[in-house]
């Protein structure tokens, strides 16, 4: 059961995700949470303190959502990982749309608020660790670089879907193609010679 503080922060996240940074005020959060005027200010005396707490609560919730998905994923191929990441993208643009929008809003706010940068970077680090582990499982020889490429690609996909919704949004094939191009593009050592591009197995 969420505490009163968490309920207020969840209301603040809804205001942020649905109406943007400028709409986040103590009064707006009070109204969204359905509490008496001044309740939010009792917990967070300044707007800066409120935003710092929003980042903390947002990170907690997004981590929990991601862990729910991650706990069911153990990919052995680009296709398996692609399907899992597509599910993650659809979740972020669908059921958890407001939470995702709040993340983008917080990232933009971090550009002008140095105090938010470190906690936002920490929140993203956990997701990057999962990505890197998954990429190793499917054969990536440079998971750090591939995590950067795949993570930014999915971020762009989700942002575009949020901005211009497609009722048939399903990025599965695109993500699989990207993963296959990354994994297949790595040079492999040739015994007794120099590295060369990996060739597909000959048909039997």
C-alpha atoms as a PDB file:
ATOM      1  CA  UNK A   1       0.000   0.000   0.000  1.00  0.00           C
ATOM      2  CA  UNK A   2       1.595   3.308  -1.062  1.00  0.00           C
ATOM      3  CA  UNK A   3       2.250   5.835   1.671  1.00  0.00           C
ATOM      4  CA  UNK A   4       0.634   9.281   1.595  1.00  0.00           C
ATOM      5  CA  UNK A   5       3.940  10.705   0.373  1.00  0.00           C
ATOM      6  CA  UNK A   6       4.037   8.191  -2.487  1.00  0.00           C
ATOM      7  CA  UNK A   7       0.435   8.909  -3.414  1.00  0.00           C
ATOM      8  CA  UNK A   8       1.259  12.599  -3.685  1.00  0.00           C
ATOM      9  CA  UNK A   9       4.281  11.842  -5.845  1.00  0.00           C
ATOM     10  CA  UNK A  10       2.246   9.522  -8.069  1.00  0.00           C
ATOM     11  CA  UNK A  11      -0.191  12.394  -8.541  1.00  0.00           C
ATOM     12  CA  UNK A  12       2.737  14.680  -9.377  1.00  0.00           C
ATOM     13  CA  UNK A  13       3.970  12.177 -11.979  1.00  0.00           C
ATOM     14  CA  UNK A  14       0.521  12.175 -13.588  1.00  0.00           C
ATOM     15  CA  UNK A  15       0.502  15.972 -13.731  1.00  0.00           C
ATOM     16  CA  UNK A  16       4.011  15.963 -15.204  1.00  0.00           C
ATOM     17  CA  UNK A  17       3.299  13.240 -17.773  1.00  0.00           C
ATOM     18  CA  UNK A  18      -0.088  14.554 -18.844  1.00  0.00           C
ATOM     19  CA  UNK A  19       0.464  18.315 -18.677  1.00  0.00           C
ATOM     20  CA  UNK A  20       4.209  18.977 -18.704  1.00  0.00           C
ATOM     21  CA  UNK A  21       6.807  20.518 -16.418  1.00  0.00           C
ATOM     22  CA  UNK A  22       5.215  23.960 -16.123  1.00  0.00           C
ATOM     23  CA  UNK A  23       1.988  22.446 -14.791  1.00  0.00           C
ATOM     24  CA  UNK A  24       3.704  20.856 -11.792  1.00  0.00           C
ATOM     25  CA  UNK A  25       2.898  23.031  -8.792  1.00  0.00           C
ATOM     26  CA  UNK A  26       1.998  22.199  -5.215  1.00  0.00           C
ATOM     27  CA  UNK A  27      -1.563  23.284  -5.857  1.00  0.00           C
ATOM     28  CA  UNK A  28      -1.872  21.175  -9.013  1.00  0.00           C
ATOM     29  CA  UNK A  29      -0.584  18.100  -7.191  1.00  0.00           C
ATOM     30  CA  UNK A  30      -3.026  18.698  -4.320  1.00  0.00           C
ATOM     31  CA  UNK A  31      -5.880  18.864  -6.811  1.00  0.00           C
ATOM     32  CA  UNK A  32      -4.753  15.768  -8.727  1.00  0.00           C
ATOM     33  CA  UNK A  33      -4.364  13.779  -5.515  1.00  0.00           C
ATOM     34  CA  UNK A  34      -7.713  14.995  -4.172  1.00  0.00           C
ATOM     35  CA  UNK A  35      -6.249  16.299  -0.926  1.00  0.00           C
ATOM     36  CA  UNK A  36      -6.592  19.554   0.983  1.00  0.00           C
ATOM     37  CA  UNK A  37      -4.661  22.563  -0.266  1.00  0.00           C
ATOM     38  CA  UNK A  38      -1.220  22.690   1.294  1.00  0.00           C
ATOM     39  CA  UNK A  39      -0.818  18.931   1.733  1.00  0.00           C
ATOM     40  CA  UNK A  40       1.929  18.639  -0.881  1.00  0.00           C
ATOM     41  CA  UNK A  41       3.789  21.648   0.521  1.00  0.00           C
ATOM     42  CA  UNK A  42       3.825  19.961   3.928  1.00  0.00           C
ATOM     43  CA  UNK A  43       5.977  17.196   2.435  1.00  0.00           C
ATOM     44  CA  UNK A  44       7.950  19.209  -0.128  1.00  0.00           C
ATOM     45  CA  UNK A  45       8.516  22.794   0.922  1.00  0.00           C
ATOM     46  CA  UNK A  46       9.876  24.002  -2.420  1.00  0.00           C
ATOM     47  CA  UNK A  47       9.266  23.146  -6.062  1.00  0.00           C
ATOM     48  CA  UNK A  48      12.878  21.972  -6.316  1.00  0.00           C
ATOM     49  CA  UNK A  49      12.347  19.550  -3.422  1.00  0.00           C
ATOM     50  CA  UNK A  50       9.185  18.317  -5.121  1.00  0.00           C
ATOM     51  CA  UNK A  51      11.026  17.614  -8.380  1.00  0.00           C
ATOM     52  CA  UNK A  52      13.844  15.807  -6.597  1.00  0.00           C
ATOM     53  CA  UNK A  53      11.273  13.586  -4.913  1.00  0.00           C
ATOM     54  CA  UNK A  54       9.454  13.042  -8.222  1.00  0.00           C
ATOM     55  CA  UNK A  55      12.697  11.723  -9.747  1.00  0.00           C
ATOM     56  CA  UNK A  56      13.146   9.371  -6.803  1.00  0.00           C
ATOM     57  CA  UNK A  57       9.574   8.022  -7.058  1.00  0.00           C
ATOM     58  CA  UNK A  58       9.675   7.879 -10.845  1.00  0.00           C
ATOM     59  CA  UNK A  59      12.898   5.852 -10.731  1.00  0.00           C
ATOM     60  CA  UNK A  60      11.381   3.468  -8.208  1.00  0.00           C
ATOM     61  CA  UNK A  61       8.288   2.874 -10.326  1.00  0.00           C
ATOM     62  CA  UNK A  62      10.065   2.570 -13.660  1.00  0.00           C
ATOM     63  CA  UNK A  63      12.594   0.164 -12.155  1.00  0.00           C
ATOM     64  CA  UNK A  64       9.772  -1.999 -10.798  1.00  0.00           C
ATOM     65  CA  UNK A  65       8.023  -2.024 -14.186  1.00  0.00           C
ATOM     66  CA  UNK A  66      11.224  -2.872 -16.008  1.00  0.00           C
ATOM     67  CA  UNK A  67      12.147  -5.591 -13.517  1.00  0.00           C
ATOM     68  CA  UNK A  68       8.752  -7.219 -14.076  1.00  0.00           C
ATOM     69  CA  UNK A  69       9.545  -7.503 -17.783  1.00  0.00           C
ATOM     70  CA  UNK A  70      13.223  -8.332 -17.294  1.00  0.00           C
ATOM     71  CA  UNK A  71      12.478 -11.205 -14.907  1.00  0.00           C
ATOM     72  CA  UNK A  72      10.815 -13.130 -17.734  1.00  0.00           C
ATOM     73  CA  UNK A  73      13.547 -12.550 -20.336  1.00  0.00           C
ATOM     74  CA  UNK A  74      16.542 -14.792 -21.003  1.00  0.00           C
ATOM     75  CA  UNK A  75      17.175 -14.365 -24.743  1.00  0.00           C
ATOM     76  CA  UNK A  76      19.362 -16.671 -26.793  1.00  0.00           C
ATOM     77  CA  UNK A  77      18.873 -15.006 -30.184  1.00  0.00           C
ATOM     78  CA  UNK A  78      18.232 -11.579 -31.711  1.00  0.00           C
ATOM     79  CA  UNK A  79      14.653 -12.655 -32.453  1.00  0.00           C
ATOM     80  CA  UNK A  80      13.925 -13.510 -28.805  1.00  0.00           C
ATOM     81  CA  UNK A  81      15.481 -10.305 -27.534  1.00  0.00           C
ATOM     82  CA  UNK A  82      13.749  -8.283 -30.247  1.00  0.00           C
ATOM     83  CA  UNK A  83      10.353  -9.581 -29.166  1.00  0.00           C
ATOM     84  CA  UNK A  84      11.104  -8.741 -25.525  1.00  0.00           C
ATOM     85  CA  UNK A  85      12.280  -5.209 -26.342  1.00  0.00           C
ATOM     86  CA  UNK A  86       9.254  -4.651 -28.556  1.00  0.00           C
ATOM     87  CA  UNK A  87       7.039  -5.606 -25.618  1.00  0.00           C
ATOM     88  CA  UNK A  88       8.964  -3.108 -23.497  1.00  0.00           C
ATOM     89  CA  UNK A  89       8.424  -0.386 -26.128  1.00  0.00           C
ATOM     90  CA  UNK A  90       4.696  -1.124 -26.425  1.00  0.00           C
ATOM     91  CA  UNK A  91       4.341  -1.035 -22.642  1.00  0.00           C
ATOM     92  CA  UNK A  92       6.099   2.331 -22.438  1.00  0.00           C
ATOM     93  CA  UNK A  93       3.959   3.828 -25.184  1.00  0.00           C
ATOM     94  CA  UNK A  94       0.736   2.174 -23.987  1.00  0.00           C
ATOM     95  CA  UNK A  95      -0.159   1.105 -20.437  1.00  0.00           C
ATOM     96  CA  UNK A  96       2.688   3.134 -18.902  1.00  0.00           C
ATOM     97  CA  UNK A  97       2.398   6.075 -21.278  1.00  0.00           C
ATOM     98  CA  UNK A  98       2.135   8.706 -18.537  1.00  0.00           C
ATOM     99  CA  UNK A  99       5.173   7.349 -16.704  1.00  0.00           C
ATOM    100  CA  UNK A 100       7.179   7.347 -19.940  1.00  0.00           C
ATOM    101  CA  UNK A 101       6.126  10.891 -20.774  1.00  0.00           C
ATOM    102  CA  UNK A 102       7.244  11.968 -17.311  1.00  0.00           C
ATOM    103  CA  UNK A 103      10.680  10.434 -18.013  1.00  0.00           C
ATOM    104  CA  UNK A 104      11.086  12.479 -21.189  1.00  0.00           C
ATOM    105  CA  UNK A 105       9.919  15.600 -19.355  1.00  0.00           C
ATOM    106  CA  UNK A 106      12.428  14.966 -16.548  1.00  0.00           C
ATOM    107  CA  UNK A 107      15.245  14.448 -19.053  1.00  0.00           C
ATOM    108  CA  UNK A 108      14.480  17.812 -20.637  1.00  0.00           C
ATOM    109  CA  UNK A 109      14.222  19.457 -17.219  1.00  0.00           C
ATOM    110  CA  UNK A 110      17.621  17.973 -16.285  1.00  0.00           C
ATOM    111  CA  UNK A 111      19.209  20.081 -19.009  1.00  0.00           C
ATOM    112  CA  UNK A 112      18.442  23.173 -16.928  1.00  0.00           C
ATOM    113  CA  UNK A 113      18.504  21.593 -13.467  1.00  0.00           C
ATOM    114  CA  UNK A 114      21.881  20.014 -12.610  1.00  0.00           C
ATOM    115  CA  UNK A 115      20.446  18.557  -9.405  1.00  0.00           C
ATOM    116  CA  UNK A 116      18.306  16.149 -11.420  1.00  0.00           C
ATOM    117  CA  UNK A 117      21.053  14.865 -13.711  1.00  0.00           C
ATOM    118  CA  UNK A 118      22.745  12.410 -11.369  1.00  0.00           C
ATOM    119  CA  UNK A 119      19.575  10.639 -10.162  1.00  0.00           C
ATOM    120  CA  UNK A 120      18.278  10.433 -13.737  1.00  0.00           C
ATOM    121  CA  UNK A 121      21.590   8.950 -14.904  1.00  0.00           C
ATOM    122  CA  UNK A 122      21.489   6.446 -12.059  1.00  0.00           C
ATOM    123  CA  UNK A 123      17.966   5.406 -13.002  1.00  0.00           C
ATOM    124  CA  UNK A 124      19.015   4.807 -16.599  1.00  0.00           C
ATOM    125  CA  UNK A 125      22.106   2.869 -15.556  1.00  0.00           C
ATOM    126  CA  UNK A 126      20.116  -0.090 -14.240  1.00  0.00           C
ATOM    127  CA  UNK A 127      18.281  -0.471 -17.544  1.00  0.00           C
ATOM    128  CA  UNK A 128      21.568  -0.239 -19.470  1.00  0.00           C
ATOM    129  CA  UNK A 129      23.021  -3.030 -17.334  1.00  0.00           C
ATOM    130  CA  UNK A 130      20.113  -5.309 -18.252  1.00  0.00           C
ATOM    131  CA  UNK A 131      20.494  -4.421 -21.933  1.00  0.00           C
ATOM    132  CA  UNK A 132      24.217  -5.204 -21.861  1.00  0.00           C
ATOM    133  CA  UNK A 133      23.639  -8.579 -20.206  1.00  0.00           C
ATOM    134  CA  UNK A 134      20.986  -9.510 -22.763  1.00  0.00           C
ATOM    135  CA  UNK A 135      23.215  -8.480 -25.654  1.00  0.00           C
ATOM    136  CA  UNK A 136      26.010 -10.681 -24.337  1.00  0.00           C
ATOM    137  CA  UNK A 137      23.594 -13.596 -24.229  1.00  0.00           C
ATOM    138  CA  UNK A 138      22.782 -13.238 -27.933  1.00  0.00           C
ATOM    139  CA  UNK A 139      26.420 -12.947 -28.965  1.00  0.00           C
ATOM    140  CA  UNK A 140      27.374  -9.287 -28.813  1.00  0.00           C
ATOM    141  CA  UNK A 141      31.118  -8.776 -28.659  1.00  0.00           C
ATOM    142  CA  UNK A 142      30.729  -5.093 -27.749  1.00  0.00           C
ATOM    143  CA  UNK A 143      27.658  -4.930 -25.479  1.00  0.00           C
ATOM    144  CA  UNK A 144      28.454  -1.435 -24.228  1.00  0.00           C
ATOM    145  CA  UNK A 145      28.431   0.028 -27.737  1.00  0.00           C
ATOM    146  CA  UNK A 146      25.432  -2.059 -28.799  1.00  0.00           C
ATOM    147  CA  UNK A 147      23.511  -0.995 -25.704  1.00  0.00           C
ATOM    148  CA  UNK A 148      24.055   2.627 -26.718  1.00  0.00           C
ATOM    149  CA  UNK A 149      22.794   1.973 -30.256  1.00  0.00           C
ATOM    150  CA  UNK A 150      19.788  -0.172 -29.310  1.00  0.00           C
ATOM    151  CA  UNK A 151      18.809   1.967 -26.315  1.00  0.00           C
ATOM    152  CA  UNK A 152      18.777   5.168 -28.323  1.00  0.00           C
ATOM    153  CA  UNK A 153      16.877   3.501 -31.148  1.00  0.00           C
ATOM    154  CA  UNK A 154      14.130   2.283 -28.821  1.00  0.00           C
ATOM    155  CA  UNK A 155      14.001   5.659 -27.091  1.00  0.00           C
ATOM    156  CA  UNK A 156      13.386   7.272 -30.465  1.00  0.00           C
ATOM    157  CA  UNK A 157      10.759   4.697 -31.448  1.00  0.00           C
ATOM    158  CA  UNK A 158       8.807   5.226 -28.242  1.00  0.00           C
ATOM    159  CA  UNK A 159       9.096   9.015 -28.419  1.00  0.00           C
ATOM    160  CA  UNK A 160       7.747   8.988 -31.978  1.00  0.00           C
ATOM    161  CA  UNK A 161       4.868   6.723 -30.968  1.00  0.00           C
ATOM    162  CA  UNK A 162       3.990   9.009 -28.058  1.00  0.00           C
ATOM    163  CA  UNK A 163       4.083  12.082 -30.285  1.00  0.00           C
ATOM    164  CA  UNK A 164       2.328  10.564 -33.317  1.00  0.00           C
ATOM    165  CA  UNK A 165       0.443   7.468 -32.124  1.00  0.00           C
ATOM    166  CA  UNK A 166       0.055   4.576 -34.533  1.00  0.00           C
ATOM    167  CA  UNK A 167      -2.795   2.255 -33.492  1.00  0.00           C
ATOM    168  CA  UNK A 168      -0.901  -0.639 -35.094  1.00  0.00           C
ATOM    169  CA  UNK A 169       2.428   0.123 -33.376  1.00  0.00           C
ATOM    170  CA  UNK A 170       4.572  -3.006 -33.384  1.00  0.00           C
ATOM    171  CA  UNK A 171       8.325  -2.419 -33.714  1.00  0.00           C
ATOM    172  CA  UNK A 172       9.231  -6.114 -33.344  1.00  0.00           C
ATOM    173  CA  UNK A 173      10.604  -6.703 -36.839  1.00  0.00           C
ATOM    174  CA  UNK A 174      12.522  -3.419 -36.900  1.00  0.00           C
ATOM    175  CA  UNK A 175      14.197  -4.168 -33.568  1.00  0.00           C
ATOM    176  CA  UNK A 176      15.059  -7.723 -34.610  1.00  0.00           C
ATOM    177  CA  UNK A 177      16.598  -6.406 -37.837  1.00  0.00           C
ATOM    178  CA  UNK A 178      18.702  -3.914 -35.895  1.00  0.00           C
ATOM    179  CA  UNK A 179      19.913  -6.590 -33.485  1.00  0.00           C
ATOM    180  CA  UNK A 180      20.755  -8.969 -36.319  1.00  0.00           C
ATOM    181  CA  UNK A 181      22.710  -6.257 -38.122  1.00  0.00           C
ATOM    182  CA  UNK A 182      24.703  -5.460 -34.958  1.00  0.00           C
ATOM    183  CA  UNK A 183      25.476  -9.039 -34.030  1.00  0.00           C
ATOM    184  CA  UNK A 184      26.126 -10.165 -37.606  1.00  0.00           C
ATOM    185  CA  UNK A 185      28.337  -7.179 -38.408  1.00  0.00           C
ATOM    186  CA  UNK A 186      31.043  -8.117 -35.904  1.00  0.00           C
ATOM    187  CA  UNK A 187      34.254  -9.415 -37.453  1.00  0.00           C
ATOM    188  CA  UNK A 188      35.223 -12.917 -36.363  1.00  0.00           C
ATOM    189  CA  UNK A 189      38.780 -14.232 -36.123  1.00  0.00           C
ATOM    190  CA  UNK A 190      39.985 -16.569 -38.863  1.00  0.00           C
ATOM    191  CA  UNK A 191      42.359 -19.251 -37.505  1.00  0.00           C
ATOM    192  CA  UNK A 192      45.861 -18.517 -38.729  1.00  0.00           C
ATOM    193  CA  UNK A 193      44.795 -15.327 -40.470  1.00  0.00           C
ATOM    194  CA  UNK A 194      43.242 -11.906 -40.010  1.00  0.00           C
ATOM    195  CA  UNK A 195      39.760 -11.111 -38.850  1.00  0.00           C
ATOM    196  CA  UNK A 196      37.087 -11.121 -41.471  1.00  0.00           C
ATOM    197  CA  UNK A 197      33.325 -10.703 -41.725  1.00  0.00           C
ATOM    198  CA  UNK A 198      31.240 -13.554 -40.386  1.00  0.00           C
ATOM    199  CA  UNK A 199      29.773 -15.665 -43.178  1.00  0.00           C
ATOM    200  CA  UNK A 200      26.476 -17.509 -42.898  1.00  0.00           C
ATOM    201  CA  UNK A 201      26.564 -21.284 -42.769  1.00  0.00           C
ATOM    202  CA  UNK A 202      26.282 -23.002 -46.111  1.00  0.00           C
ATOM    203  CA  UNK A 203      22.963 -24.698 -46.680  1.00  0.00           C
ATOM    204  CA  UNK A 204      23.117 -28.441 -46.072  1.00  0.00           C
END
